[in-house]
Amino acid sequence: MDFSDPTMGASLRLLRDELERLIDALPSAQLGEDEIDRLESLDRFAALVTDARRVFVHGAGRSGLALRMTAMRLMHLGLDVHVVGEVTAPAIGPGDLLLTASGSGTTAGVVRAALTAIDTGAQVVAITTAPASPLHEIATAVVVVPAAEKLDRSGAASAQYAGSLFEQAVVLIGDALFHHLWQRADTSADDLWPRHANLE
């Protein structure tokens, strides 16, 4: 890690540069409609969300927090969205979609939830850094993020600590999904506003 410029501005520029490289390297960023069946396709990811009866989100730690942000925005669009583990989350079933995030693709609770979802007839989308992982193998669609895994301390994929770049990517992919679906829905910000929380 370069400690020659210890300013906050330098750290922000580092994050910007890493995220720019990551977005450009996403294997699905330039996919066309004729390639929508490729597992890495962001378009397939969006299509599965659009077609789902209900969307469930599940991740551990900071990845889970990032997915909660996505859940909130999908709710603002009017989708039926649930956070796994919340007491109000119903049973998942056919026609539903489980959206997961695990950098390693091996997070035990996330993999178990994905297997349960598949057993009930639901589909699974995985955001991960690990193409050779259990989560990747069982998911209906996968977005492989070229970022460091949590235990990678080499600094080769990212100079940031632990899985920070992956978690930032989960937030950006979620916001891009929301923006994409919002534009397709042809609704205004005023149309979405009544769904914002009014009990705070």
N, C-alpha and C. Protein backbone atom coordinates (compact mmCIF):
# COMPACT_ATOMS: atom_id res chain seq x y z
N MET A 1 0.85 -1.19 0.00
CA MET A 1 0.00 0.00 0.00
C MET A 1 0.88 1.24 0.00
N ASP A 2 0.45 2.25 -0.74
CA ASP A 2 1.22 3.48 -0.86
C ASP A 2 0.84 4.44 0.27
N PHE A 3 1.79 4.70 1.17
CA PHE A 3 1.56 5.62 2.27
C PHE A 3 2.16 7.00 2.00
N SER A 4 2.57 7.26 0.76
CA SER A 4 3.25 8.51 0.45
C SER A 4 2.29 9.71 0.50
N ASP A 5 1.00 9.47 0.32
CA ASP A 5 0.01 10.54 0.39
C ASP A 5 -1.09 10.10 1.35
N PRO A 6 -0.98 10.45 2.65
CA PRO A 6 -1.90 9.94 3.66
C PRO A 6 -3.19 10.76 3.80
N THR A 7 -3.52 11.58 2.81
CA THR A 7 -4.69 12.44 2.94
C THR A 7 -5.97 11.68 2.61
N MET A 8 -7.08 12.22 3.10
CA MET A 8 -8.39 11.65 2.78
C MET A 8 -8.66 11.75 1.29
N GLY A 9 -8.22 12.84 0.69
CA GLY A 9 -8.42 13.00 -0.75
C GLY A 9 -7.76 11.88 -1.54
N ALA A 10 -6.57 11.48 -1.12
CA ALA A 10 -5.87 10.39 -1.80
C ALA A 10 -6.64 9.08 -1.65
N SER A 11 -7.20 8.86 -0.47
CA SER A 11 -7.98 7.64 -0.25
C SER A 11 -9.23 7.64 -1.12
N LEU A 12 -9.89 8.78 -1.23
CA LEU A 12 -11.08 8.86 -2.08
C LEU A 12 -10.73 8.60 -3.54
N ARG A 13 -9.61 9.14 -3.99
CA ARG A 13 -9.20 8.91 -5.37
C ARG A 13 -8.86 7.44 -5.61
N LEU A 14 -8.26 6.79 -4.60
CA LEU A 14 -7.97 5.37 -4.70
C LEU A 14 -9.26 4.57 -4.89
N LEU A 15 -10.27 4.86 -4.06
CA LEU A 15 -11.56 4.17 -4.18
C LEU A 15 -12.18 4.41 -5.54
N ARG A 16 -12.14 5.66 -5.99
CA ARG A 16 -12.70 5.99 -7.31
C ARG A 16 -12.02 5.18 -8.41
N ASP A 17 -10.70 5.14 -8.37
CA ASP A 17 -9.95 4.44 -9.41
C ASP A 17 -10.23 2.94 -9.38
N GLU A 18 -10.28 2.36 -8.18
CA GLU A 18 -10.54 0.93 -8.08
C GLU A 18 -11.95 0.59 -8.58
N LEU A 19 -12.92 1.42 -8.21
CA LEU A 19 -14.30 1.16 -8.65
C LEU A 19 -14.45 1.34 -10.16
N GLU A 20 -13.75 2.31 -10.71
CA GLU A 20 -13.81 2.51 -12.16
C GLU A 20 -13.23 1.30 -12.90
N ARG A 21 -12.09 0.80 -12.41
CA ARG A 21 -11.51 -0.38 -13.04
C ARG A 21 -12.42 -1.60 -12.89
N LEU A 22 -13.04 -1.73 -11.72
CA LEU A 22 -13.92 -2.87 -11.48
C LEU A 22 -15.13 -2.84 -12.42
N ILE A 23 -15.76 -1.69 -12.55
CA ILE A 23 -16.93 -1.58 -13.42
C ILE A 23 -16.56 -1.89 -14.86
N ASP A 24 -15.43 -1.37 -15.31
CA ASP A 24 -14.99 -1.64 -16.69
C ASP A 24 -14.66 -3.12 -16.90
N ALA A 25 -14.27 -3.82 -15.83
CA ALA A 25 -13.87 -5.22 -15.95
C ALA A 25 -15.02 -6.20 -15.75
N LEU A 26 -16.19 -5.72 -15.33
CA LEU A 26 -17.31 -6.65 -15.17
C LEU A 26 -17.58 -7.34 -16.50
N PRO A 27 -17.59 -8.66 -16.54
CA PRO A 27 -17.71 -9.37 -17.81
C PRO A 27 -19.05 -9.17 -18.49
N SER A 28 -20.04 -8.66 -17.73
CA SER A 28 -21.37 -8.49 -18.31
C SER A 28 -21.68 -7.05 -18.69
N ALA A 29 -20.76 -6.14 -18.44
CA ALA A 29 -21.08 -4.73 -18.63
C ALA A 29 -21.37 -4.37 -20.08
N GLN A 30 -20.80 -5.12 -21.03
CA GLN A 30 -21.02 -4.81 -22.44
C GLN A 30 -21.88 -5.85 -23.16
N LEU A 31 -22.59 -6.70 -22.41
CA LEU A 31 -23.38 -7.75 -23.06
C LEU A 31 -24.56 -7.17 -23.83
N GLY A 32 -24.85 -7.75 -24.96
CA GLY A 32 -26.02 -7.36 -25.74
C GLY A 32 -27.17 -8.29 -25.47
N GLU A 33 -28.34 -7.98 -26.05
CA GLU A 33 -29.53 -8.78 -25.83
C GLU A 33 -29.37 -10.23 -26.30
N ASP A 34 -28.53 -10.45 -27.32
CA ASP A 34 -28.36 -11.80 -27.84
C ASP A 34 -27.56 -12.69 -26.89
N GLU A 35 -26.97 -12.10 -25.84
CA GLU A 35 -26.17 -12.87 -24.91
C GLU A 35 -26.81 -12.96 -23.53
N ILE A 36 -28.13 -12.74 -23.46
CA ILE A 36 -28.79 -12.62 -22.17
C ILE A 36 -28.77 -13.91 -21.37
N ASP A 37 -28.55 -15.06 -22.01
CA ASP A 37 -28.53 -16.33 -21.29
C ASP A 37 -27.19 -16.62 -20.61
N ARG A 38 -26.18 -15.82 -20.85
CA ARG A 38 -24.90 -16.03 -20.17
C ARG A 38 -25.07 -15.81 -18.68
N LEU A 39 -24.47 -16.68 -17.89
CA LEU A 39 -24.66 -16.62 -16.44
C LEU A 39 -24.23 -15.29 -15.85
N GLU A 40 -23.17 -14.68 -16.43
CA GLU A 40 -22.68 -13.44 -15.84
C GLU A 40 -23.52 -12.23 -16.20
N SER A 41 -24.54 -12.38 -16.99
CA SER A 41 -25.22 -11.24 -17.56
C SER A 41 -25.97 -10.40 -16.54
N LEU A 42 -25.63 -9.12 -16.48
CA LEU A 42 -26.38 -8.21 -15.63
C LEU A 42 -27.81 -8.06 -16.15
N ASP A 43 -28.00 -8.18 -17.46
CA ASP A 43 -29.34 -8.10 -18.01
C ASP A 43 -30.20 -9.27 -17.55
N ARG A 44 -29.59 -10.45 -17.47
CA ARG A 44 -30.33 -11.62 -16.97
C ARG A 44 -30.69 -11.42 -15.50
N PHE A 45 -29.78 -10.88 -14.75
CA PHE A 45 -30.01 -10.53 -13.35
C PHE A 45 -31.24 -9.63 -13.24
N ALA A 46 -31.26 -8.56 -14.03
CA ALA A 46 -32.38 -7.61 -13.98
C ALA A 46 -33.68 -8.28 -14.42
N ALA A 47 -33.60 -9.15 -15.43
CA ALA A 47 -34.80 -9.83 -15.91
C ALA A 47 -35.39 -10.74 -14.84
N LEU A 48 -34.53 -11.43 -14.10
CA LEU A 48 -35.01 -12.30 -13.04
C LEU A 48 -35.70 -11.51 -11.93
N VAL A 49 -35.17 -10.35 -11.61
CA VAL A 49 -35.80 -9.49 -10.60
C VAL A 49 -37.15 -9.01 -11.10
N THR A 50 -37.19 -8.60 -12.36
CA THR A 50 -38.44 -8.10 -12.95
C THR A 50 -39.53 -9.16 -12.96
N ASP A 51 -39.15 -10.39 -13.26
CA ASP A 51 -40.13 -11.47 -13.41
C ASP A 51 -40.52 -12.13 -12.10
N ALA A 52 -39.82 -11.83 -11.02
CA ALA A 52 -40.06 -12.52 -9.75
C ALA A 52 -41.38 -12.09 -9.13
N ARG A 53 -42.03 -13.06 -8.50
CA ARG A 53 -43.23 -12.77 -7.72
C ARG A 53 -42.86 -11.92 -6.51
N ARG A 54 -41.81 -12.35 -5.81
CA ARG A 54 -41.27 -11.62 -4.66
C ARG A 54 -39.76 -11.73 -4.69
N VAL A 55 -39.08 -10.75 -4.11
CA VAL A 55 -37.62 -10.75 -4.05
C VAL A 55 -37.19 -10.82 -2.59
N PHE A 56 -36.30 -11.76 -2.29
CA PHE A 56 -35.70 -11.89 -0.96
C PHE A 56 -34.22 -11.56 -1.10
N VAL A 57 -33.65 -10.86 -0.12
CA VAL A 57 -32.22 -10.55 -0.17
C VAL A 57 -31.54 -11.17 1.05
N HIS A 58 -30.30 -11.65 0.83
CA HIS A 58 -29.58 -12.30 1.93
C HIS A 58 -28.08 -12.19 1.74
N GLY A 59 -27.42 -11.70 2.76
CA GLY A 59 -25.97 -11.64 2.79
C GLY A 59 -25.53 -11.46 4.22
N ALA A 60 -24.28 -11.76 4.52
CA ALA A 60 -23.75 -11.61 5.87
C ALA A 60 -22.89 -10.36 5.96
N GLY A 61 -22.82 -9.79 7.14
CA GLY A 61 -21.93 -8.66 7.38
C GLY A 61 -22.22 -7.47 6.49
N ARG A 62 -21.15 -6.84 5.98
CA ARG A 62 -21.31 -5.65 5.16
C ARG A 62 -21.97 -5.96 3.82
N SER A 63 -21.78 -7.16 3.31
CA SER A 63 -22.47 -7.55 2.08
C SER A 63 -23.98 -7.54 2.30
N GLY A 64 -24.40 -8.04 3.47
CA GLY A 64 -25.82 -8.04 3.80
C GLY A 64 -26.36 -6.63 3.95
N LEU A 65 -25.57 -5.74 4.55
CA LEU A 65 -26.00 -4.35 4.67
C LEU A 65 -26.17 -3.71 3.30
N ALA A 66 -25.25 -4.01 2.39
CA ALA A 66 -25.34 -3.47 1.03
C ALA A 66 -26.62 -3.95 0.35
N LEU A 67 -26.97 -5.23 0.54
CA LEU A 67 -28.20 -5.76 -0.08
C LEU A 67 -29.45 -5.15 0.55
N ARG A 68 -29.39 -4.78 1.81
CA ARG A 68 -30.54 -4.11 2.43
C ARG A 68 -30.82 -2.78 1.73
N MET A 69 -29.76 -2.11 1.30
CA MET A 69 -29.94 -0.86 0.56
C MET A 69 -30.67 -1.14 -0.76
N THR A 70 -30.30 -2.23 -1.41
CA THR A 70 -30.98 -2.61 -2.65
C THR A 70 -32.43 -2.95 -2.37
N ALA A 71 -32.68 -3.69 -1.29
CA ALA A 71 -34.06 -4.05 -0.93
C ALA A 71 -34.92 -2.81 -0.75
N MET A 72 -34.38 -1.80 -0.10
CA MET A 72 -35.14 -0.56 0.12
C MET A 72 -35.51 0.09 -1.20
N ARG A 73 -34.56 0.18 -2.12
CA ARG A 73 -34.83 0.83 -3.40
C ARG A 73 -35.84 0.01 -4.23
N LEU A 74 -35.74 -1.31 -4.19
CA LEU A 74 -36.71 -2.12 -4.94
C LEU A 74 -38.11 -1.95 -4.35
N MET A 75 -38.19 -1.80 -3.03
CA MET A 75 -39.47 -1.51 -2.41
C MET A 75 -40.01 -0.17 -2.88
N HIS A 76 -39.14 0.82 -3.03
CA HIS A 76 -39.58 2.13 -3.53
C HIS A 76 -40.18 2.01 -4.94
N LEU A 77 -39.70 1.02 -5.70
CA LEU A 77 -40.26 0.79 -7.04
C LEU A 77 -41.62 0.09 -6.99
N GLY A 78 -41.97 -0.44 -5.81
CA GLY A 78 -43.24 -1.13 -5.68
C GLY A 78 -43.12 -2.64 -5.70
N LEU A 79 -41.88 -3.17 -5.71
CA LEU A 79 -41.71 -4.62 -5.68
C LEU A 79 -41.99 -5.15 -4.28
N ASP A 80 -42.38 -6.41 -4.21
CA ASP A 80 -42.61 -7.10 -2.94
C ASP A 80 -41.26 -7.68 -2.51
N VAL A 81 -40.62 -7.03 -1.53
CA VAL A 81 -39.24 -7.35 -1.16
C VAL A 81 -39.16 -7.70 0.32
N HIS A 82 -38.30 -8.69 0.64
CA HIS A 82 -38.12 -9.12 2.02
C HIS A 82 -36.65 -9.35 2.31
N VAL A 83 -36.24 -9.03 3.55
CA VAL A 83 -34.88 -9.27 4.01
C VAL A 83 -34.88 -10.56 4.82
N VAL A 84 -34.12 -11.54 4.37
CA VAL A 84 -34.04 -12.83 5.07
C VAL A 84 -33.57 -12.60 6.50
N GLY A 85 -34.24 -13.23 7.44
CA GLY A 85 -33.88 -13.11 8.85
C GLY A 85 -34.74 -12.14 9.62
N GLU A 86 -35.42 -11.24 8.91
CA GLU A 86 -36.36 -10.33 9.58
C GLU A 86 -37.60 -11.12 9.98
N VAL A 87 -38.21 -10.74 11.10
CA VAL A 87 -39.34 -11.52 11.62
C VAL A 87 -40.56 -11.45 10.71
N THR A 88 -40.63 -10.47 9.84
CA THR A 88 -41.78 -10.35 8.93
C THR A 88 -41.56 -11.04 7.59
N ALA A 89 -40.38 -11.63 7.38
CA ALA A 89 -40.10 -12.29 6.10
C ALA A 89 -40.91 -13.59 6.01
N PRO A 90 -41.70 -13.76 4.94
CA PRO A 90 -42.47 -15.00 4.79
C PRO A 90 -41.62 -16.13 4.23
N ALA A 91 -42.24 -17.28 4.03
CA ALA A 91 -41.55 -18.41 3.41
C ALA A 91 -41.33 -18.11 1.93
N ILE A 92 -40.18 -18.50 1.42
CA ILE A 92 -39.89 -18.36 -0.01
C ILE A 92 -40.49 -19.55 -0.75
N GLY A 93 -40.84 -19.35 -2.02
CA GLY A 93 -41.46 -20.43 -2.77
C GLY A 93 -41.36 -20.24 -4.26
N PRO A 94 -42.09 -21.03 -5.03
CA PRO A 94 -42.04 -20.94 -6.49
C PRO A 94 -42.37 -19.54 -6.99
N GLY A 95 -41.63 -19.11 -7.99
CA GLY A 95 -41.85 -17.78 -8.55
C GLY A 95 -41.08 -16.69 -7.84
N ASP A 96 -40.47 -17.01 -6.70
CA ASP A 96 -39.71 -16.03 -5.94
C ASP A 96 -38.25 -16.03 -6.37
N LEU A 97 -37.53 -14.98 -5.95
CA LEU A 97 -36.11 -14.84 -6.26
C LEU A 97 -35.35 -14.52 -4.99
N LEU A 98 -34.26 -15.24 -4.76
CA LEU A 98 -33.35 -14.94 -3.66
C LEU A 98 -32.12 -14.26 -4.23
N LEU A 99 -31.89 -13.02 -3.84
CA LEU A 99 -30.71 -12.26 -4.26
C LEU A 99 -29.68 -12.33 -3.15
N THR A 100 -28.52 -12.91 -3.44
CA THR A 100 -27.48 -13.12 -2.44
C THR A 100 -26.20 -12.40 -2.81
N ALA A 101 -25.38 -12.15 -1.79
CA ALA A 101 -24.04 -11.59 -2.00
C ALA A 101 -23.09 -12.28 -1.03
N SER A 102 -22.03 -12.84 -1.56
CA SER A 102 -20.98 -13.46 -0.75
C SER A 102 -19.69 -13.40 -1.55
N GLY A 103 -18.72 -12.63 -1.06
CA GLY A 103 -17.46 -12.51 -1.78
C GLY A 103 -16.82 -13.86 -2.03
N SER A 104 -16.78 -14.70 -1.00
CA SER A 104 -16.14 -16.01 -1.12
C SER A 104 -17.02 -17.03 -1.81
N GLY A 105 -18.33 -16.80 -1.80
CA GLY A 105 -19.26 -17.79 -2.34
C GLY A 105 -19.39 -19.01 -1.47
N THR A 106 -18.85 -18.93 -0.25
CA THR A 106 -18.89 -20.08 0.66
C THR A 106 -19.56 -19.77 1.99
N THR A 107 -20.04 -18.56 2.18
CA THR A 107 -20.68 -18.19 3.45
C THR A 107 -21.78 -19.19 3.77
N ALA A 108 -21.63 -19.90 4.89
CA ALA A 108 -22.47 -21.06 5.17
C ALA A 108 -23.96 -20.72 5.17
N GLY A 109 -24.34 -19.66 5.87
CA GLY A 109 -25.75 -19.30 5.95
C GLY A 109 -26.33 -18.92 4.60
N VAL A 110 -25.54 -18.25 3.78
CA VAL A 110 -26.01 -17.82 2.46
C VAL A 110 -26.17 -19.03 1.54
N VAL A 111 -25.20 -19.94 1.57
CA VAL A 111 -25.29 -21.14 0.73
C VAL A 111 -26.48 -21.99 1.15
N ARG A 112 -26.67 -22.17 2.47
CA ARG A 112 -27.82 -22.94 2.94
C ARG A 112 -29.13 -22.32 2.49
N ALA A 113 -29.23 -20.99 2.59
CA ALA A 113 -30.45 -20.30 2.17
C ALA A 113 -30.69 -20.50 0.68
N ALA A 114 -29.62 -20.45 -0.11
CA ALA A 114 -29.76 -20.64 -1.56
C ALA A 114 -30.25 -22.04 -1.88
N LEU A 115 -29.71 -23.04 -1.18
CA LEU A 115 -30.16 -24.42 -1.39
C LEU A 115 -31.63 -24.59 -1.01
N THR A 116 -32.03 -23.98 0.09
CA THR A 116 -33.43 -24.04 0.51
C THR A 116 -34.32 -23.38 -0.53
N ALA A 117 -33.90 -22.22 -1.02
CA ALA A 117 -34.68 -21.51 -2.03
C ALA A 117 -34.88 -22.37 -3.27
N ILE A 118 -33.82 -23.00 -3.72
CA ILE A 118 -33.90 -23.85 -4.91
C ILE A 118 -34.82 -25.04 -4.66
N ASP A 119 -34.74 -25.62 -3.47
CA ASP A 119 -35.59 -26.76 -3.13
C ASP A 119 -37.07 -26.39 -3.16
N THR A 120 -37.39 -25.14 -2.88
CA THR A 120 -38.80 -24.71 -2.87
C THR A 120 -39.28 -24.27 -4.25
N GLY A 121 -38.38 -24.23 -5.22
CA GLY A 121 -38.77 -23.82 -6.56
C GLY A 121 -38.46 -22.37 -6.88
N ALA A 122 -37.77 -21.68 -5.96
CA ALA A 122 -37.37 -20.30 -6.21
C ALA A 122 -36.08 -20.29 -7.02
N GLN A 123 -35.73 -19.12 -7.56
CA GLN A 123 -34.47 -18.95 -8.27
C GLN A 123 -33.51 -18.13 -7.42
N VAL A 124 -32.23 -18.22 -7.76
CA VAL A 124 -31.19 -17.57 -6.96
C VAL A 124 -30.27 -16.76 -7.85
N VAL A 125 -30.01 -15.52 -7.47
CA VAL A 125 -28.97 -14.71 -8.10
C VAL A 125 -27.85 -14.53 -7.09
N ALA A 126 -26.62 -14.71 -7.52
CA ALA A 126 -25.47 -14.57 -6.63
C ALA A 126 -24.55 -13.48 -7.16
N ILE A 127 -24.10 -12.62 -6.25
CA ILE A 127 -23.03 -11.67 -6.54
C ILE A 127 -21.84 -12.15 -5.73
N THR A 128 -20.72 -12.44 -6.40
CA THR A 128 -19.58 -13.05 -5.74
C THR A 128 -18.29 -12.70 -6.47
N THR A 129 -17.17 -12.95 -5.81
CA THR A 129 -15.87 -12.81 -6.49
C THR A 129 -15.35 -14.17 -6.94
N ALA A 130 -16.05 -15.25 -6.55
CA ALA A 130 -15.49 -16.60 -6.69
C ALA A 130 -16.27 -17.47 -7.67
N PRO A 131 -15.80 -17.58 -8.92
CA PRO A 131 -16.50 -18.43 -9.89
C PRO A 131 -16.43 -19.91 -9.56
N ALA A 132 -15.43 -20.33 -8.77
CA ALA A 132 -15.33 -21.74 -8.39
C ALA A 132 -15.77 -21.88 -6.94
N SER A 133 -17.05 -21.62 -6.68
CA SER A 133 -17.56 -21.66 -5.32
C SER A 133 -18.91 -22.35 -5.29
N PRO A 134 -19.32 -22.86 -4.13
CA PRO A 134 -20.64 -23.52 -4.04
C PRO A 134 -21.79 -22.61 -4.44
N LEU A 135 -21.74 -21.34 -4.05
CA LEU A 135 -22.82 -20.43 -4.38
C LEU A 135 -22.93 -20.22 -5.89
N HIS A 136 -21.78 -20.08 -6.54
CA HIS A 136 -21.77 -19.92 -7.99
C HIS A 136 -22.36 -21.15 -8.67
N GLU A 137 -22.04 -22.32 -8.16
CA GLU A 137 -22.49 -23.56 -8.80
C GLU A 137 -24.00 -23.74 -8.75
N ILE A 138 -24.65 -23.27 -7.69
CA ILE A 138 -26.08 -23.55 -7.53
C ILE A 138 -26.97 -22.39 -7.98
N ALA A 139 -26.40 -21.23 -8.24
CA ALA A 139 -27.21 -20.06 -8.57
C ALA A 139 -27.78 -20.13 -9.98
N THR A 140 -28.94 -19.53 -10.16
CA THR A 140 -29.57 -19.43 -11.48
C THR A 140 -28.79 -18.46 -12.36
N ALA A 141 -28.35 -17.36 -11.76
CA ALA A 141 -27.56 -16.35 -12.47
C ALA A 141 -26.51 -15.81 -11.51
N VAL A 142 -25.37 -15.45 -12.07
CA VAL A 142 -24.24 -15.01 -11.24
C VAL A 142 -23.63 -13.74 -11.82
N VAL A 143 -23.33 -12.79 -10.96
CA VAL A 143 -22.52 -11.64 -11.34
C VAL A 143 -21.18 -11.81 -10.64
N VAL A 144 -20.13 -12.09 -11.41
CA VAL A 144 -18.79 -12.28 -10.84
C VAL A 144 -18.09 -10.92 -10.81
N VAL A 145 -17.75 -10.50 -9.61
CA VAL A 145 -17.13 -9.19 -9.40
C VAL A 145 -15.62 -9.37 -9.27
N PRO A 146 -14.83 -8.70 -10.10
CA PRO A 146 -13.37 -8.84 -10.03
C PRO A 146 -12.77 -8.01 -8.89
N ALA A 147 -13.01 -8.49 -7.65
CA ALA A 147 -12.51 -7.79 -6.47
C ALA A 147 -11.83 -8.79 -5.56
N ALA A 148 -11.13 -8.28 -4.55
CA ALA A 148 -10.45 -9.14 -3.60
C ALA A 148 -11.46 -9.83 -2.70
N GLU A 149 -11.19 -11.09 -2.37
CA GLU A 149 -11.98 -11.76 -1.35
C GLU A 149 -11.58 -11.24 0.02
N LYS A 150 -12.44 -11.52 1.02
CA LYS A 150 -12.25 -10.98 2.35
C LYS A 150 -10.89 -11.33 2.96
N LEU A 151 -10.42 -12.53 2.70
CA LEU A 151 -9.16 -12.98 3.31
C LEU A 151 -7.93 -12.70 2.45
N ASP A 152 -8.13 -12.04 1.31
CA ASP A 152 -7.01 -11.71 0.43
C ASP A 152 -6.31 -10.45 0.94
N ARG A 153 -5.11 -10.63 1.47
CA ARG A 153 -4.35 -9.49 2.00
C ARG A 153 -3.16 -9.14 1.11
N SER A 154 -3.16 -9.65 -0.11
CA SER A 154 -2.02 -9.44 -1.00
C SER A 154 -1.98 -8.03 -1.57
N GLY A 155 -3.13 -7.39 -1.66
CA GLY A 155 -3.19 -6.05 -2.26
C GLY A 155 -3.21 -6.08 -3.77
N ALA A 156 -3.24 -7.27 -4.37
CA ALA A 156 -3.19 -7.37 -5.83
C ALA A 156 -4.48 -6.90 -6.48
N ALA A 157 -5.61 -7.32 -5.95
CA ALA A 157 -6.90 -6.93 -6.54
C ALA A 157 -7.41 -5.60 -6.01
N SER A 158 -7.02 -5.26 -4.80
CA SER A 158 -7.47 -4.01 -4.19
C SER A 158 -6.53 -3.64 -3.06
N ALA A 159 -6.25 -2.33 -2.94
CA ALA A 159 -5.43 -1.84 -1.83
C ALA A 159 -6.27 -1.63 -0.58
N GLN A 160 -7.60 -1.74 -0.71
CA GLN A 160 -8.48 -1.52 0.42
C GLN A 160 -8.48 -2.72 1.36
N TYR A 161 -8.98 -2.49 2.56
CA TYR A 161 -9.01 -3.54 3.57
C TYR A 161 -10.08 -4.59 3.26
N ALA A 162 -9.72 -5.84 3.47
CA ALA A 162 -10.65 -6.98 3.41
C ALA A 162 -11.50 -6.94 2.15
N GLY A 163 -12.80 -7.10 2.30
CA GLY A 163 -13.69 -7.17 1.14
C GLY A 163 -14.33 -5.86 0.79
N SER A 164 -13.71 -4.74 1.14
CA SER A 164 -14.34 -3.43 0.94
C SER A 164 -14.74 -3.18 -0.51
N LEU A 165 -13.85 -3.48 -1.45
CA LEU A 165 -14.17 -3.21 -2.85
C LEU A 165 -15.36 -4.05 -3.30
N PHE A 166 -15.44 -5.29 -2.88
CA PHE A 166 -16.58 -6.14 -3.22
C PHE A 166 -17.87 -5.55 -2.66
N GLU A 167 -17.84 -5.14 -1.41
CA GLU A 167 -19.04 -4.60 -0.78
C GLU A 167 -19.49 -3.31 -1.45
N GLN A 168 -18.53 -2.48 -1.84
CA GLN A 168 -18.87 -1.26 -2.59
C GLN A 168 -19.50 -1.62 -3.93
N ALA A 169 -18.98 -2.66 -4.55
CA ALA A 169 -19.53 -3.10 -5.83
C ALA A 169 -20.96 -3.60 -5.67
N VAL A 170 -21.26 -4.28 -4.57
CA VAL A 170 -22.63 -4.74 -4.33
C VAL A 170 -23.58 -3.56 -4.25
N VAL A 171 -23.16 -2.49 -3.56
CA VAL A 171 -23.99 -1.27 -3.49
C VAL A 171 -24.22 -0.70 -4.88
N LEU A 172 -23.14 -0.57 -5.67
CA LEU A 172 -23.25 0.02 -7.00
C LEU A 172 -24.11 -0.83 -7.94
N ILE A 173 -23.93 -2.15 -7.89
CA ILE A 173 -24.74 -3.03 -8.74
C ILE A 173 -26.21 -2.92 -8.33
N GLY A 174 -26.47 -2.86 -7.04
CA GLY A 174 -27.85 -2.69 -6.58
C GLY A 174 -28.46 -1.38 -7.03
N ASP A 175 -27.69 -0.30 -6.94
CA ASP A 175 -28.20 1.00 -7.37
C ASP A 175 -28.38 1.05 -8.89
N ALA A 176 -27.46 0.39 -9.62
CA ALA A 176 -27.61 0.33 -11.08
C ALA A 176 -28.85 -0.47 -11.45
N LEU A 177 -29.11 -1.56 -10.73
CA LEU A 177 -30.31 -2.35 -10.96
C LEU A 177 -31.55 -1.50 -10.73
N PHE A 178 -31.58 -0.79 -9.62
CA PHE A 178 -32.72 0.09 -9.33
C PHE A 178 -32.91 1.12 -10.44
N HIS A 179 -31.82 1.79 -10.83
CA HIS A 179 -31.94 2.84 -11.83
C HIS A 179 -32.43 2.27 -13.16
N HIS A 180 -31.91 1.11 -13.54
CA HIS A 180 -32.32 0.45 -14.77
C HIS A 180 -33.82 0.13 -14.74
N LEU A 181 -34.28 -0.47 -13.65
CA LEU A 181 -35.70 -0.83 -13.55
C LEU A 181 -36.58 0.41 -13.46
N TRP A 182 -36.09 1.45 -12.79
CA TRP A 182 -36.86 2.68 -12.68
C TRP A 182 -37.04 3.33 -14.05
N GLN A 183 -35.97 3.37 -14.84
CA GLN A 183 -36.07 3.97 -16.17
C GLN A 183 -37.04 3.17 -17.04
N ARG A 184 -36.99 1.86 -16.93
CA ARG A 184 -37.90 1.02 -17.71
C ARG A 184 -39.35 1.19 -17.28
N ALA A 185 -39.55 1.47 -16.00
CA ALA A 185 -40.92 1.63 -15.49
C ALA A 185 -41.54 2.94 -15.92
N ASP A 186 -40.71 3.89 -16.34
CA ASP A 186 -41.19 5.20 -16.81
C ASP A 186 -42.05 5.89 -15.76
N THR A 187 -41.56 5.88 -14.51
CA THR A 187 -42.25 6.57 -13.43
C THR A 187 -41.36 7.70 -12.93
N SER A 188 -41.97 8.68 -12.30
CA SER A 188 -41.22 9.83 -11.82
C SER A 188 -40.80 9.63 -10.38
N ALA A 189 -39.91 10.50 -9.91
CA ALA A 189 -39.51 10.47 -8.51
C ALA A 189 -40.72 10.75 -7.61
N ASP A 190 -41.62 11.59 -8.08
CA ASP A 190 -42.84 11.87 -7.31
C ASP A 190 -43.71 10.62 -7.16
N ASP A 191 -43.70 9.75 -8.18
CA ASP A 191 -44.47 8.51 -8.11
C ASP A 191 -43.92 7.58 -7.03
N LEU A 192 -42.60 7.60 -6.85
CA LEU A 192 -41.97 6.70 -5.88
C LEU A 192 -42.03 7.24 -4.46
N TRP A 193 -42.08 8.55 -4.32
CA TRP A 193 -41.94 9.17 -3.00
C TRP A 193 -42.94 8.66 -1.95
N PRO A 194 -44.22 8.43 -2.28
CA PRO A 194 -45.16 7.97 -1.25
C PRO A 194 -44.77 6.65 -0.58
N ARG A 195 -43.86 5.87 -1.20
CA ARG A 195 -43.45 4.60 -0.59
C ARG A 195 -42.31 4.76 0.40
N HIS A 196 -41.75 5.97 0.51
CA HIS A 196 -40.69 6.19 1.49
C HIS A 196 -41.26 6.12 2.89
N ALA A 197 -40.43 5.67 3.84
CA ALA A 197 -40.88 5.50 5.21
C ALA A 197 -41.37 6.82 5.79
N ASN A 198 -42.49 6.79 6.51
CA ASN A 198 -42.98 7.97 7.21
C ASN A 198 -43.07 7.74 8.72
N LEU A 199 -42.57 6.57 9.17
CA LEU A 199 -42.44 6.29 10.60
C LEU A 199 -40.95 6.15 10.90
N GLU A 200 -40.38 7.17 11.52
CA GLU A 200 -38.94 7.17 11.75
C GLU A 200 -38.64 7.56 13.19
